[in-house]
Amino acid sequence: QVQLVESGGGLVQSGASLTLTCTASGDSFSDYAMGWFRQAPGTERELIAVIDWSRGSKYVADSVKDRFTISKNNALATGYLQMNSLKPEDTAVYYCAADNRYGISLLRSPNRFTYWGQGTQVTVSS
């Protein structure tokens, strides 16, 4: 069992930066991958980025890869999503998720992730 707690969302102006954090607790996290998703009202949950916790290999969606960065701190069991140059269309609830059954190349869909954080709202005003 893994518990995920997110923080760092908020209301910012267009062009600003935010860093979301996701801290894992429970089982040893070394065999897991952590993903970040977002969901705007009326849309499907969208994968933003995934990181393999032991190898550090990453995937970032093309839609955000020039602005968003995924990283981790093993000692703190914490993952980060650094978001730069935020746009109003980035407004959504952002979720972190974790799973240890698949490599990150297979972790593209929400239904592949077992554990989820509570979500944090990011609102970008124009």
Foldseek 3Di string as FASTA:
>chain_A
DKAKAKDWADEEAAFAKTKMKIAIDDDQCQLKKKWKWWDDPPDDIFTAKIARRNPRDMDGDPVQVVFWDWDDDNVRNMIMIIGGRDDQVVWTWMKMFMDRPDDPVPPGDPVRTDYIYPTDTHGYHD
